[in-house]
Amino acid sequence: MSTDTPAASPVGPLLPILTTVGWILAAVILAVPTMFSPMLFDSGGSVWAVIVVFGLVSTLLLCGLSVVAGWIAWAASRESRGAGARVLRGMFYLLPLIGLAATAIGFGGIQFACAGNLNC
């Protein structure tokens, strides 16, 4: 009888592939509202409009960063099945949600603080 423990099998690349496809599709879809976001300032603009534009632009940048950093984190920790490695990969995979949250806060501010008026 051997007391050797079997080596942990490496983590497969399914999750990085799915997040890569998902965030690239999200970036392509978000490129259209980002291109038209300067029109938020046609009526003078407000702080909330700046937050919306910042959220849209940062989401595009964070989508690219998430794809690259997610693959790097997966490659660095694919032999590890510990909770720390999963949390690290998950942090990178969910990074673009920060920009989406900023965009939602900006639109919420326009609706609630300015009653839908972009010039407040």
PDB file of N, CA and C in Angstrom:
ATOM      1  N   MET A   1       0.830  -1.177   0.000  1.00  0.00           N
ATOM      2  CA  MET A   1       0.000   0.000   0.000  1.00  0.00           C
ATOM      3  C   MET A   1       0.869   1.231   0.000  1.00  0.00           C
ATOM      4  N   SER A   2       0.521   2.148  -0.837  1.00  0.00           N
ATOM      5  CA  SER A   2       1.288   3.378  -0.963  1.00  0.00           C
ATOM      6  C   SER A   2       0.600   4.495  -0.186  1.00  0.00           C
ATOM      7  N   THR A   3       1.404   5.315   0.464  1.00  0.00           N
ATOM      8  CA  THR A   3       0.851   6.444   1.219  1.00  0.00           C
ATOM      9  C   THR A   3       0.931   7.741   0.427  1.00  0.00           C
ATOM     10  N   ASP A   4       1.358   7.620  -0.819  1.00  0.00           N
ATOM     11  CA  ASP A   4       1.440   8.823  -1.648  1.00  0.00           C
ATOM     12  C   ASP A   4       0.035   9.311  -1.985  1.00  0.00           C
ATOM     13  N   THR A   5      -0.133  10.613  -1.888  1.00  0.00           N
ATOM     14  CA  THR A   5      -1.422  11.177  -2.281  1.00  0.00           C
ATOM     15  C   THR A   5      -1.359  11.498  -3.769  1.00  0.00           C
ATOM     16  N   PRO A   6      -2.431  11.260  -4.474  1.00  0.00           N
ATOM     17  CA  PRO A   6      -2.413  11.558  -5.905  1.00  0.00           C
ATOM     18  C   PRO A   6      -2.300  13.069  -6.119  1.00  0.00           C
ATOM     19  N   ALA A   7      -1.594  13.428  -7.142  1.00  0.00           N
ATOM     20  CA  ALA A   7      -1.429  14.844  -7.464  1.00  0.00           C
ATOM     21  C   ALA A   7      -2.768  15.423  -7.917  1.00  0.00           C
ATOM     22  N   ALA A   8      -3.004  16.631  -7.497  1.00  0.00           N
ATOM     23  CA  ALA A   8      -4.251  17.300  -7.882  1.00  0.00           C
ATOM     24  C   ALA A   8      -4.242  17.558  -9.386  1.00  0.00           C
ATOM     25  N   SER A   9      -5.341  17.226  -9.995  1.00  0.00           N
ATOM     26  CA  SER A   9      -5.419  17.465 -11.435  1.00  0.00           C
ATOM     27  C   SER A   9      -5.579  18.964 -11.671  1.00  0.00           C
ATOM     28  N   PRO A  10      -4.999  19.466 -12.752  1.00  0.00           N
ATOM     29  CA  PRO A  10      -5.098  20.893 -13.011  1.00  0.00           C
ATOM     30  C   PRO A  10      -6.531  21.327 -13.304  1.00  0.00           C
ATOM     31  N   VAL A  11      -6.817  22.569 -12.993  1.00  0.00           N
ATOM     32  CA  VAL A  11      -8.143  23.133 -13.240  1.00  0.00           C
ATOM     33  C   VAL A  11      -8.280  23.373 -14.739  1.00  0.00           C
ATOM     34  N   GLY A  12      -9.387  22.937 -15.312  1.00  0.00           N
ATOM     35  CA  GLY A  12      -9.620  23.104 -16.743  1.00  0.00           C
ATOM     36  C   GLY A  12      -9.913  24.553 -17.110  1.00  0.00           C
ATOM     37  N   PRO A  13      -9.763  24.885 -18.375  1.00  0.00           N
ATOM     38  CA  PRO A  13      -9.933  26.277 -18.803  1.00  0.00           C
ATOM     39  C   PRO A  13     -11.363  26.665 -19.171  1.00  0.00           C
ATOM     40  N   LEU A  14     -12.369  25.925 -18.722  1.00  0.00           N
ATOM     41  CA  LEU A  14     -13.737  26.234 -19.128  1.00  0.00           C
ATOM     42  C   LEU A  14     -14.184  27.610 -18.636  1.00  0.00           C
ATOM     43  N   LEU A  15     -13.957  27.914 -17.366  1.00  0.00           N
ATOM     44  CA  LEU A  15     -14.390  29.207 -16.829  1.00  0.00           C
ATOM     45  C   LEU A  15     -13.657  30.383 -17.471  1.00  0.00           C
ATOM     46  N   PRO A  16     -12.339  30.326 -17.667  1.00  0.00           N
ATOM     47  CA  PRO A  16     -11.694  31.439 -18.381  1.00  0.00           C
ATOM     48  C   PRO A  16     -12.204  31.609 -19.814  1.00  0.00           C
ATOM     49  N   ILE A  17     -12.524  30.521 -20.486  1.00  0.00           N
ATOM     50  CA  ILE A  17     -13.044  30.620 -21.852  1.00  0.00           C
ATOM     51  C   ILE A  17     -14.412  31.287 -21.844  1.00  0.00           C
ATOM     52  N   LEU A  18     -15.288  30.869 -20.919  1.00  0.00           N
ATOM     53  CA  LEU A  18     -16.625  31.454 -20.840  1.00  0.00           C
ATOM     54  C   LEU A  18     -16.580  32.928 -20.471  1.00  0.00           C
ATOM     55  N   THR A  19     -15.727  33.291 -19.511  1.00  0.00           N
ATOM     56  CA  THR A  19     -15.644  34.707 -19.133  1.00  0.00           C
ATOM     57  C   THR A  19     -15.012  35.535 -20.242  1.00  0.00           C
ATOM     58  N   THR A  20     -14.061  34.972 -20.954  1.00  0.00           N
ATOM     59  CA  THR A  20     -13.460  35.698 -22.077  1.00  0.00           C
ATOM     60  C   THR A  20     -14.511  36.002 -23.139  1.00  0.00           C
ATOM     61  N   VAL A  21     -15.279  35.004 -23.515  1.00  0.00           N
ATOM     62  CA  VAL A  21     -16.322  35.198 -24.516  1.00  0.00           C
ATOM     63  C   VAL A  21     -17.377  36.188 -24.000  1.00  0.00           C
ATOM     64  N   GLY A  22     -17.766  36.019 -22.751  1.00  0.00           N
ATOM     65  CA  GLY A  22     -18.790  36.894 -22.171  1.00  0.00           C
ATOM     66  C   GLY A  22     -18.362  38.344 -22.092  1.00  0.00           C
ATOM     67  N   TRP A  23     -17.157  38.598 -21.613  1.00  0.00           N
ATOM     68  CA  TRP A  23     -16.720  39.990 -21.468  1.00  0.00           C
ATOM     69  C   TRP A  23     -16.376  40.618 -22.812  1.00  0.00           C
ATOM     70  N   ILE A  24     -15.924  39.831 -23.783  1.00  0.00           N
ATOM     71  CA  ILE A  24     -15.683  40.402 -25.115  1.00  0.00           C
ATOM     72  C   ILE A  24     -17.020  40.770 -25.761  1.00  0.00           C
ATOM     73  N   LEU A  25     -18.031  39.920 -25.626  1.00  0.00           N
ATOM     74  CA  LEU A  25     -19.362  40.265 -26.143  1.00  0.00           C
ATOM     75  C   LEU A  25     -19.923  41.495 -25.427  1.00  0.00           C
ATOM     76  N   ALA A  26     -19.747  41.561 -24.112  1.00  0.00           N
ATOM     77  CA  ALA A  26     -20.222  42.730 -23.359  1.00  0.00           C
ATOM     78  C   ALA A  26     -19.511  43.995 -23.810  1.00  0.00           C
ATOM     79  N   ALA A  27     -18.208  43.904 -24.074  1.00  0.00           N
ATOM     80  CA  ALA A  27     -17.460  45.082 -24.529  1.00  0.00           C
ATOM     81  C   ALA A  27     -17.932  45.536 -25.904  1.00  0.00           C
ATOM     82  N   VAL A  28     -18.216  44.589 -26.786  1.00  0.00           N
ATOM     83  CA  VAL A  28     -18.699  44.953 -28.124  1.00  0.00           C
ATOM     84  C   VAL A  28     -20.067  45.619 -28.012  1.00  0.00           C
ATOM     85  N   ILE A  29     -20.939  45.082 -27.170  1.00  0.00           N
ATOM     86  CA  ILE A  29     -22.263  45.662 -27.001  1.00  0.00           C
ATOM     87  C   ILE A  29     -22.176  47.034 -26.328  1.00  0.00           C
ATOM     88  N   LEU A  30     -21.298  47.184 -25.331  1.00  0.00           N
ATOM     89  CA  LEU A  30     -21.156  48.462 -24.628  1.00  0.00           C
ATOM     90  C   LEU A  30     -20.412  49.511 -25.444  1.00  0.00           C
ATOM     91  N   ALA A  31     -19.794  49.125 -26.528  1.00  0.00           N
ATOM     92  CA  ALA A  31     -19.080  50.110 -27.350  1.00  0.00           C
ATOM     93  C   ALA A  31     -20.059  51.097 -27.984  1.00  0.00           C
ATOM     94  N   VAL A  32     -21.254  50.653 -28.323  1.00  0.00           N
ATOM     95  CA  VAL A  32     -22.231  51.545 -28.962  1.00  0.00           C
ATOM     96  C   VAL A  32     -22.697  52.645 -27.999  1.00  0.00           C
ATOM     97  N   PRO A  33     -23.185  52.325 -26.780  1.00  0.00           N
ATOM     98  CA  PRO A  33     -23.573  53.423 -25.899  1.00  0.00           C
ATOM     99  C   PRO A  33     -22.393  54.292 -25.476  1.00  0.00           C
ATOM    100  N   THR A  34     -21.208  53.723 -25.432  1.00  0.00           N
ATOM    101  CA  THR A  34     -20.039  54.525 -25.081  1.00  0.00           C
ATOM    102  C   THR A  34     -19.731  55.528 -26.187  1.00  0.00           C
ATOM    103  N   MET A  35     -19.896  55.125 -27.435  1.00  0.00           N
ATOM    104  CA  MET A  35     -19.663  56.061 -28.542  1.00  0.00           C
ATOM    105  C   MET A  35     -20.668  57.210 -28.531  1.00  0.00           C
ATOM    106  N   PHE A  36     -21.887  56.930 -28.091  1.00  0.00           N
ATOM    107  CA  PHE A  36     -22.915  57.966 -28.078  1.00  0.00           C
ATOM    108  C   PHE A  36     -22.999  58.697 -26.738  1.00  0.00           C
ATOM    109  N   SER A  37     -22.170  58.367 -25.786  1.00  0.00           N
ATOM    110  CA  SER A  37     -22.234  58.999 -24.474  1.00  0.00           C
ATOM    111  C   SER A  37     -21.920  60.497 -24.481  1.00  0.00           C
ATOM    112  N   PRO A  38     -21.149  61.059 -25.423  1.00  0.00           N
ATOM    113  CA  PRO A  38     -20.990  62.521 -25.425  1.00  0.00           C
ATOM    114  C   PRO A  38     -22.305  63.274 -25.608  1.00  0.00           C
ATOM    115  N   MET A  39     -23.328  62.623 -26.156  1.00  0.00           N
ATOM    116  CA  MET A  39     -24.613  63.289 -26.313  1.00  0.00           C
ATOM    117  C   MET A  39     -25.290  63.537 -24.971  1.00  0.00           C
ATOM    118  N   LEU A  40     -24.824  62.921 -23.898  1.00  0.00           N
ATOM    119  CA  LEU A  40     -25.355  63.215 -22.570  1.00  0.00           C
ATOM    120  C   LEU A  40     -25.066  64.663 -22.173  1.00  0.00           C
ATOM    121  N   PHE A  41     -24.078  65.267 -22.801  1.00  0.00           N
ATOM    122  CA  PHE A  41     -23.674  66.621 -22.445  1.00  0.00           C
ATOM    123  C   PHE A  41     -24.266  67.670 -23.389  1.00  0.00           C
ATOM    124  N   ASP A  42     -25.171  67.284 -24.279  1.00  0.00           N
ATOM    125  CA  ASP A  42     -25.792  68.240 -25.191  1.00  0.00           C
ATOM    126  C   ASP A  42     -26.595  69.300 -24.453  1.00  0.00           C
ATOM    127  N   SER A  43     -27.210  68.931 -23.344  1.00  0.00           N
ATOM    128  CA  SER A  43     -28.029  69.883 -22.593  1.00  0.00           C
ATOM    129  C   SER A  43     -27.253  70.523 -21.453  1.00  0.00           C
ATOM    130  N   GLY A  44     -25.977  70.436 -21.447  1.00  0.00           N
ATOM    131  CA  GLY A  44     -25.167  71.049 -20.405  1.00  0.00           C
ATOM    132  C   GLY A  44     -24.478  70.038 -19.516  1.00  0.00           C
ATOM    133  N   GLY A  45     -25.107  68.921 -19.277  1.00  0.00           N
ATOM    134  CA  GLY A  45     -24.488  67.870 -18.482  1.00  0.00           C
ATOM    135  C   GLY A  45     -24.608  68.109 -16.994  1.00  0.00           C
ATOM    136  N   SER A  46     -24.242  67.114 -16.245  1.00  0.00           N
ATOM    137  CA  SER A  46     -24.257  67.175 -14.785  1.00  0.00           C
ATOM    138  C   SER A  46     -23.219  66.197 -14.266  1.00  0.00           C
ATOM    139  N   VAL A  47     -23.074  66.183 -12.958  1.00  0.00           N
ATOM    140  CA  VAL A  47     -22.144  65.242 -12.332  1.00  0.00           C
ATOM    141  C   VAL A  47     -22.577  63.805 -12.622  1.00  0.00           C
ATOM    142  N   TRP A  48     -23.882  63.588 -12.661  1.00  0.00           N
ATOM    143  CA  TRP A  48     -24.395  62.234 -12.903  1.00  0.00           C
ATOM    144  C   TRP A  48     -24.063  61.762 -14.311  1.00  0.00           C
ATOM    145  N   ALA A  49     -24.083  62.670 -15.274  1.00  0.00           N
ATOM    146  CA  ALA A  49     -23.712  62.310 -16.645  1.00  0.00           C
ATOM    147  C   ALA A  49     -22.234  61.943 -16.717  1.00  0.00           C
ATOM    148  N   VAL A  50     -21.408  62.653 -15.958  1.00  0.00           N
ATOM    149  CA  VAL A  50     -19.980  62.330 -15.919  1.00  0.00           C
ATOM    150  C   VAL A  50     -19.777  60.939 -15.325  1.00  0.00           C
ATOM    151  N   ILE A  51     -20.548  60.605 -14.299  1.00  0.00           N
ATOM    152  CA  ILE A  51     -20.438  59.273 -13.690  1.00  0.00           C
ATOM    153  C   ILE A  51     -20.850  58.190 -14.679  1.00  0.00           C
ATOM    154  N   VAL A  52     -21.899  58.450 -15.466  1.00  0.00           N
ATOM    155  CA  VAL A  52     -22.335  57.475 -16.477  1.00  0.00           C
ATOM    156  C   VAL A  52     -21.233  57.258 -17.509  1.00  0.00           C
ATOM    157  N   VAL A  53     -20.657  58.352 -18.012  1.00  0.00           N
ATOM    158  CA  VAL A  53     -19.597  58.228 -19.023  1.00  0.00           C
ATOM    159  C   VAL A  53     -18.383  57.519 -18.430  1.00  0.00           C
ATOM    160  N   PHE A  54     -18.004  57.890 -17.208  1.00  0.00           N
ATOM    161  CA  PHE A  54     -16.890  57.216 -16.546  1.00  0.00           C
ATOM    162  C   PHE A  54     -17.172  55.721 -16.390  1.00  0.00           C
ATOM    163  N   GLY A  55     -18.396  55.369 -16.019  1.00  0.00           N
ATOM    164  CA  GLY A  55     -18.749  53.960 -15.860  1.00  0.00           C
ATOM    165  C   GLY A  55     -18.691  53.193 -17.161  1.00  0.00           C
ATOM    166  N   LEU A  56     -19.180  53.805 -18.247  1.00  0.00           N
ATOM    167  CA  LEU A  56     -19.144  53.123 -19.543  1.00  0.00           C
ATOM    168  C   LEU A  56     -17.718  52.916 -20.038  1.00  0.00           C
ATOM    169  N   VAL A  57     -16.910  53.965 -19.948  1.00  0.00           N
ATOM    170  CA  VAL A  57     -15.525  53.858 -20.425  1.00  0.00           C
ATOM    171  C   VAL A  57     -14.730  52.879 -19.551  1.00  0.00           C
ATOM    172  N   SER A  58     -14.923  52.971 -18.232  1.00  0.00           N
ATOM    173  CA  SER A  58     -14.174  52.069 -17.362  1.00  0.00           C
ATOM    174  C   SER A  58     -14.614  50.623 -17.538  1.00  0.00           C
ATOM    175  N   THR A  59     -15.884  50.393 -17.872  1.00  0.00           N
ATOM    176  CA  THR A  59     -16.328  49.022 -18.112  1.00  0.00           C
ATOM    177  C   THR A  59     -15.625  48.431 -19.323  1.00  0.00           C
ATOM    178  N   LEU A  60     -15.478  49.218 -20.380  1.00  0.00           N
ATOM    179  CA  LEU A  60     -14.752  48.717 -21.556  1.00  0.00           C
ATOM    180  C   LEU A  60     -13.312  48.374 -21.201  1.00  0.00           C
ATOM    181  N   LEU A  61     -12.653  49.262 -20.458  1.00  0.00           N
ATOM    182  CA  LEU A  61     -11.264  48.994 -20.075  1.00  0.00           C
ATOM    183  C   LEU A  61     -11.163  47.801 -19.134  1.00  0.00           C
ATOM    184  N   LEU A  62     -12.101  47.708 -18.196  1.00  0.00           N
ATOM    185  CA  LEU A  62     -12.069  46.593 -17.245  1.00  0.00           C
ATOM    186  C   LEU A  62     -12.414  45.264 -17.904  1.00  0.00           C
ATOM    187  N   CYS A  63     -13.198  45.282 -18.981  1.00  0.00           N
ATOM    188  CA  CYS A  63     -13.465  44.035 -19.723  1.00  0.00           C
ATOM    189  C   CYS A  63     -12.164  43.490 -20.304  1.00  0.00           C
ATOM    190  N   GLY A  64     -11.375  44.348 -20.916  1.00  0.00           N
ATOM    191  CA  GLY A  64     -10.085  43.910 -21.450  1.00  0.00           C
ATOM    192  C   GLY A  64      -9.132  43.463 -20.365  1.00  0.00           C
ATOM    193  N   LEU A  65      -9.088  44.223 -19.275  1.00  0.00           N
ATOM    194  CA  LEU A  65      -8.211  43.859 -18.159  1.00  0.00           C
ATOM    195  C   LEU A  65      -8.636  42.539 -17.536  1.00  0.00           C
ATOM    196  N   SER A  66      -9.934  42.331 -17.427  1.00  0.00           N
ATOM    197  CA  SER A  66     -10.440  41.098 -16.834  1.00  0.00           C
ATOM    198  C   SER A  66     -10.067  39.878 -17.664  1.00  0.00           C
ATOM    199  N   VAL A  67     -10.139  40.010 -18.970  1.00  0.00           N
ATOM    200  CA  VAL A  67      -9.794  38.884 -19.843  1.00  0.00           C
ATOM    201  C   VAL A  67      -8.314  38.533 -19.684  1.00  0.00           C
ATOM    202  N   VAL A  68      -7.454  39.536 -19.760  1.00  0.00           N
ATOM    203  CA  VAL A  68      -6.007  39.287 -19.666  1.00  0.00           C
ATOM    204  C   VAL A  68      -5.633  38.797 -18.267  1.00  0.00           C
ATOM    205  N   ALA A  69      -6.106  39.514 -17.236  1.00  0.00           N
ATOM    206  CA  ALA A  69      -5.739  39.148 -15.861  1.00  0.00           C
ATOM    207  C   ALA A  69      -6.353  37.804 -15.453  1.00  0.00           C
ATOM    208  N   GLY A  70      -7.539  37.503 -15.978  1.00  0.00           N
ATOM    209  CA  GLY A  70      -8.157  36.217 -15.663  1.00  0.00           C
ATOM    210  C   GLY A  70      -7.349  35.047 -16.196  1.00  0.00           C
ATOM    211  N   TRP A  71      -6.842  35.183 -17.420  1.00  0.00           N
ATOM    212  CA  TRP A  71      -6.001  34.114 -17.983  1.00  0.00           C
ATOM    213  C   TRP A  71      -4.673  34.005 -17.236  1.00  0.00           C
ATOM    214  N   ILE A  72      -4.101  35.137 -16.852  1.00  0.00           N
ATOM    215  CA  ILE A  72      -2.843  35.092 -16.085  1.00  0.00           C
ATOM    216  C   ILE A  72      -3.075  34.428 -14.737  1.00  0.00           C
ATOM    217  N   ALA A  73      -4.170  34.791 -14.057  1.00  0.00           N
ATOM    218  CA  ALA A  73      -4.480  34.182 -12.757  1.00  0.00           C
ATOM    219  C   ALA A  73      -4.767  32.691 -12.910  1.00  0.00           C
ATOM    220  N   TRP A  74      -5.441  32.315 -13.986  1.00  0.00           N
ATOM    221  CA  TRP A  74      -5.717  30.896 -14.201  1.00  0.00           C
ATOM    222  C   TRP A  74      -4.412  30.132 -14.440  1.00  0.00           C
ATOM    223  N   ALA A  75      -3.522  30.704 -15.261  1.00  0.00           N
ATOM    224  CA  ALA A  75      -2.255  30.025 -15.546  1.00  0.00           C
ATOM    225  C   ALA A  75      -1.385  29.918 -14.297  1.00  0.00           C
ATOM    226  N   ALA A  76      -1.425  30.933 -13.460  1.00  0.00           N
ATOM    227  CA  ALA A  76      -0.596  30.920 -12.250  1.00  0.00           C
ATOM    228  C   ALA A  76      -1.144  29.981 -11.180  1.00  0.00           C
ATOM    229  N   SER A  77      -2.454  29.742 -11.188  1.00  0.00           N
ATOM    230  CA  SER A  77      -3.041  28.951 -10.099  1.00  0.00           C
ATOM    231  C   SER A  77      -3.798  27.725 -10.589  1.00  0.00           C
ATOM    232  N   ARG A  78      -3.522  27.246 -11.787  1.00  0.00           N
ATOM    233  CA  ARG A  78      -4.299  26.109 -12.293  1.00  0.00           C
ATOM    234  C   ARG A  78      -3.953  24.800 -11.600  1.00  0.00           C
ATOM    235  N   GLU A  79      -2.802  24.713 -10.996  1.00  0.00           N
ATOM    236  CA  GLU A  79      -2.445  23.498 -10.258  1.00  0.00           C
ATOM    237  C   GLU A  79      -3.035  23.500  -8.856  1.00  0.00           C
ATOM    238  N   SER A  80      -3.515  24.638  -8.406  1.00  0.00           N
ATOM    239  CA  SER A  80      -4.037  24.774  -7.051  1.00  0.00           C
ATOM    240  C   SER A  80      -5.552  24.705  -7.079  1.00  0.00           C
ATOM    241  N   ARG A  81      -6.111  23.935  -6.171  1.00  0.00           N
ATOM    242  CA  ARG A  81      -7.564  23.838  -6.060  1.00  0.00           C
ATOM    243  C   ARG A  81      -8.056  24.486  -4.769  1.00  0.00           C
ATOM    244  N   GLY A  82      -7.224  25.260  -4.121  1.00  0.00           N
ATOM    245  CA  GLY A  82      -7.598  25.882  -2.859  1.00  0.00           C
ATOM    246  C   GLY A  82      -8.573  27.029  -3.041  1.00  0.00           C
ATOM    247  N   ALA A  83      -9.143  27.449  -1.925  1.00  0.00           N
ATOM    248  CA  ALA A  83     -10.125  28.534  -1.957  1.00  0.00           C
ATOM    249  C   ALA A  83      -9.470  29.852  -2.347  1.00  0.00           C
ATOM    250  N   GLY A  84      -8.234  30.057  -1.968  1.00  0.00           N
ATOM    251  CA  GLY A  84      -7.544  31.304  -2.308  1.00  0.00           C
ATOM    252  C   GLY A  84      -7.387  31.480  -3.802  1.00  0.00           C
ATOM    253  N   ALA A  85      -7.090  30.410  -4.498  1.00  0.00           N
ATOM    254  CA  ALA A  85      -6.940  30.475  -5.954  1.00  0.00           C
ATOM    255  C   ALA A  85      -8.281  30.765  -6.621  1.00  0.00           C
ATOM    256  N   ARG A  86      -9.351  30.159  -6.112  1.00  0.00           N
ATOM    257  CA  ARG A  86     -10.688  30.422  -6.673  1.00  0.00           C
ATOM    258  C   ARG A  86     -11.107  31.856  -6.438  1.00  0.00           C
ATOM    259  N   VAL A  87     -10.813  32.389  -5.260  1.00  0.00           N
ATOM    260  CA  VAL A  87     -11.170  33.780  -4.958  1.00  0.00           C
ATOM    261  C   VAL A  87     -10.372  34.730  -5.848  1.00  0.00           C
ATOM    262  N   LEU A  88      -9.094  34.448  -6.051  1.00  0.00           N
ATOM    263  CA  LEU A  88      -8.260  35.291  -6.906  1.00  0.00           C
ATOM    264  C   LEU A  88      -8.791  35.311  -8.338  1.00  0.00           C
ATOM    265  N   ARG A  89      -9.096  34.143  -8.868  1.00  0.00           N
ATOM    266  CA  ARG A  89      -9.632  34.082 -10.230  1.00  0.00           C
ATOM    267  C   ARG A  89     -10.991  34.755 -10.304  1.00  0.00           C
ATOM    268  N   GLY A  90     -11.825  34.544  -9.316  1.00  0.00           N
ATOM    269  CA  GLY A  90     -13.146  35.159  -9.293  1.00  0.00           C
ATOM    270  C   GLY A  90     -13.086  36.672  -9.231  1.00  0.00           C
ATOM    271  N   MET A  91     -12.118  37.204  -8.496  1.00  0.00           N
ATOM    272  CA  MET A  91     -11.945  38.656  -8.434  1.00  0.00           C
ATOM    273  C   MET A  91     -11.671  39.229  -9.810  1.00  0.00           C
ATOM    274  N   PHE A  92     -10.800  38.585 -10.551  1.00  0.00           N
ATOM    275  CA  PHE A  92     -10.465  39.074 -11.880  1.00  0.00           C
ATOM    276  C   PHE A  92     -11.613  38.881 -12.862  1.00  0.00           C
ATOM    277  N   TYR A  93     -12.351  37.786 -12.725  1.00  0.00           N
ATOM    278  CA  TYR A  93     -13.454  37.525 -13.644  1.00  0.00           C
ATOM    279  C   TYR A  93     -14.592  38.527 -13.453  1.00  0.00           C
ATOM    280  N   LEU A  94     -14.792  39.013 -12.238  1.00  0.00           N
ATOM    281  CA  LEU A  94     -15.910  39.901 -11.932  1.00  0.00           C
ATOM    282  C   LEU A  94     -15.532  41.379 -11.937  1.00  0.00           C
ATOM    283  N   LEU A  95     -14.326  41.705 -12.312  1.00  0.00           N
ATOM    284  CA  LEU A  95     -13.830  43.075 -12.285  1.00  0.00           C
ATOM    285  C   LEU A  95     -14.680  44.071 -13.078  1.00  0.00           C
ATOM    286  N   PRO A  96     -15.191  43.761 -14.262  1.00  0.00           N
ATOM    287  CA  PRO A  96     -15.988  44.745 -15.013  1.00  0.00           C
ATOM    288  C   PRO A  96     -17.292  45.141 -14.338  1.00  0.00           C
ATOM    289  N   LEU A  97     -17.727  44.396 -13.347  1.00  0.00           N
ATOM    290  CA  LEU A  97     -18.952  44.768 -12.656  1.00  0.00           C
ATOM    291  C   LEU A  97     -18.810  46.086 -11.915  1.00  0.00           C
ATOM    292  N   ILE A  98     -17.577  46.504 -11.608  1.00  0.00           N
ATOM    293  CA  ILE A  98     -17.354  47.795 -10.957  1.00  0.00           C
ATOM    294  C   ILE A  98     -17.808  48.921 -11.887  1.00  0.00           C
ATOM    295  N   GLY A  99     -17.415  48.857 -13.144  1.00  0.00           N
ATOM    296  CA  GLY A  99     -17.829  49.872 -14.110  1.00  0.00           C
ATOM    297  C   GLY A  99     -19.322  49.850 -14.368  1.00  0.00           C
ATOM    298  N   LEU A 100     -19.905  48.655 -14.424  1.00  0.00           N
ATOM    299  CA  LEU A 100     -21.351  48.564 -14.624  1.00  0.00           C
ATOM    300  C   LEU A 100     -22.096  49.146 -13.431  1.00  0.00           C
ATOM    301  N   ALA A 101     -21.565  48.954 -12.217  1.00  0.00           N
ATOM    302  CA  ALA A 101     -22.190  49.533 -11.029  1.00  0.00           C
ATOM    303  C   ALA A 101     -22.111  51.057 -11.070  1.00  0.00           C
ATOM    304  N   ALA A 102     -20.974  51.608 -11.504  1.00  0.00           N
ATOM    305  CA  ALA A 102     -20.851  53.063 -11.620  1.00  0.00           C
ATOM    306  C   ALA A 102     -21.834  53.613 -12.639  1.00  0.00           C
ATOM    307  N   THR A 103     -22.023  52.912 -13.739  1.00  0.00           N
ATOM    308  CA  THR A 103     -22.994  53.344 -14.748  1.00  0.00           C
ATOM    309  C   THR A 103     -24.406  53.320 -14.180  1.00  0.00           C
ATOM    310  N   ALA A 104     -24.743  52.273 -13.459  1.00  0.00           N
ATOM    311  CA  ALA A 104     -26.079  52.176 -12.862  1.00  0.00           C
ATOM    312  C   ALA A 104     -26.291  53.275 -11.825  1.00  0.00           C
ATOM    313  N   ILE A 105     -25.269  53.588 -11.042  1.00  0.00           N
ATOM    314  CA  ILE A 105     -25.379  54.667 -10.055  1.00  0.00           C
ATOM    315  C   ILE A 105     -25.595  56.003 -10.763  1.00  0.00           C
ATOM    316  N   GLY A 106     -24.882  56.234 -11.858  1.00  0.00           N
ATOM    317  CA  GLY A 106     -25.053  57.472 -12.615  1.00  0.00           C
ATOM    318  C   GLY A 106     -26.451  57.607 -13.188  1.00  0.00           C
ATOM    319  N   PHE A 107     -26.970  56.552 -13.796  1.00  0.00           N
ATOM    320  CA  PHE A 107     -28.331  56.610 -14.336  1.00  0.00           C
ATOM    321  C   PHE A 107     -29.355  56.754 -13.211  1.00  0.00           C
ATOM    322  N   GLY A 108     -29.108  56.093 -12.086  1.00  0.00           N
ATOM    323  CA  GLY A 108     -30.003  56.253 -10.935  1.00  0.00           C
ATOM    324  C   GLY A 108     -29.996  57.681 -10.413  1.00  0.00           C
ATOM    325  N   GLY A 109     -28.828  58.306 -10.377  1.00  0.00           N
ATOM    326  CA  GLY A 109     -28.747  59.694  -9.942  1.00  0.00           C
ATOM    327  C   GLY A 109     -29.469  60.628 -10.882  1.00  0.00           C
ATOM    328  N   ILE A 110     -29.362  60.371 -12.183  1.00  0.00           N
ATOM    329  CA  ILE A 110     -30.085  61.197 -13.151  1.00  0.00           C
ATOM    330  C   ILE A 110     -31.589  61.056 -12.942  1.00  0.00           C
ATOM    331  N   GLN A 111     -32.047  59.835 -12.693  1.00  0.00           N
ATOM    332  CA  GLN A 111     -33.487  59.612 -12.534  1.00  0.00           C
ATOM    333  C   GLN A 111     -34.020  60.157 -11.204  1.00  0.00           C
ATOM    334  N   PHE A 112     -33.306  59.903 -10.116  1.00  0.00           N
ATOM    335  CA  PHE A 112     -33.842  60.258  -8.805  1.00  0.00           C
ATOM    336  C   PHE A 112     -33.487  61.675  -8.370  1.00  0.00           C
ATOM    337  N   ALA A 113     -32.238  62.090  -8.558  1.00  0.00           N
ATOM    338  CA  ALA A 113     -31.830  63.419  -8.111  1.00  0.00           C
ATOM    339  C   ALA A 113     -32.231  64.497  -9.099  1.00  0.00           C
ATOM    340  N   CYS A 114     -32.276  64.186 -10.367  1.00  0.00           N
ATOM    341  CA  CYS A 114     -32.552  65.197 -11.403  1.00  0.00           C
ATOM    342  C   CYS A 114     -33.893  64.985 -12.079  1.00  0.00           C
ATOM    343  N   ALA A 115     -34.673  64.036 -11.635  1.00  0.00           N
ATOM    344  CA  ALA A 115     -35.984  63.726 -12.212  1.00  0.00           C
ATOM    345  C   ALA A 115     -35.879  63.461 -13.717  1.00  0.00           C
ATOM    346  N   GLY A 116     -34.812  62.804 -14.135  1.00  0.00           N
ATOM    347  CA  GLY A 116     -34.648  62.452 -15.540  1.00  0.00           C
ATOM    348  C   GLY A 116     -34.100  63.556 -16.398  1.00  0.00           C
ATOM    349  N   ASN A 117     -33.861  64.727 -15.841  1.00  0.00           N
ATOM    350  CA  ASN A 117     -33.330  65.867 -16.588  1.00  0.00           C
ATOM    351  C   ASN A 117     -31.805  65.782 -16.587  1.00  0.00           C
ATOM    352  N   LEU A 118     -31.190  65.816 -17.747  1.00  0.00           N
ATOM    353  CA  LEU A 118     -29.737  65.712 -17.823  1.00  0.00           C
ATOM    354  C   LEU A 118     -29.035  67.008 -17.460  1.00  0.00           C
ATOM    355  N   ASN A 119     -29.761  68.080 -17.313  1.00  0.00           N
ATOM    356  CA  ASN A 119     -29.161  69.389 -17.036  1.00  0.00           C
ATOM    357  C   ASN A 119     -29.600  69.840 -15.644  1.00  0.00           C
ATOM    358  N   CYS A 120     -29.071  69.205 -14.622  1.00  0.00           N
ATOM    359  CA  CYS A 120     -29.426  69.632 -13.261  1.00  0.00           C
ATOM    360  C   CYS A 120     -28.179  69.927 -12.455  1.00  0.00           C
TER     361      CYS A 120
END
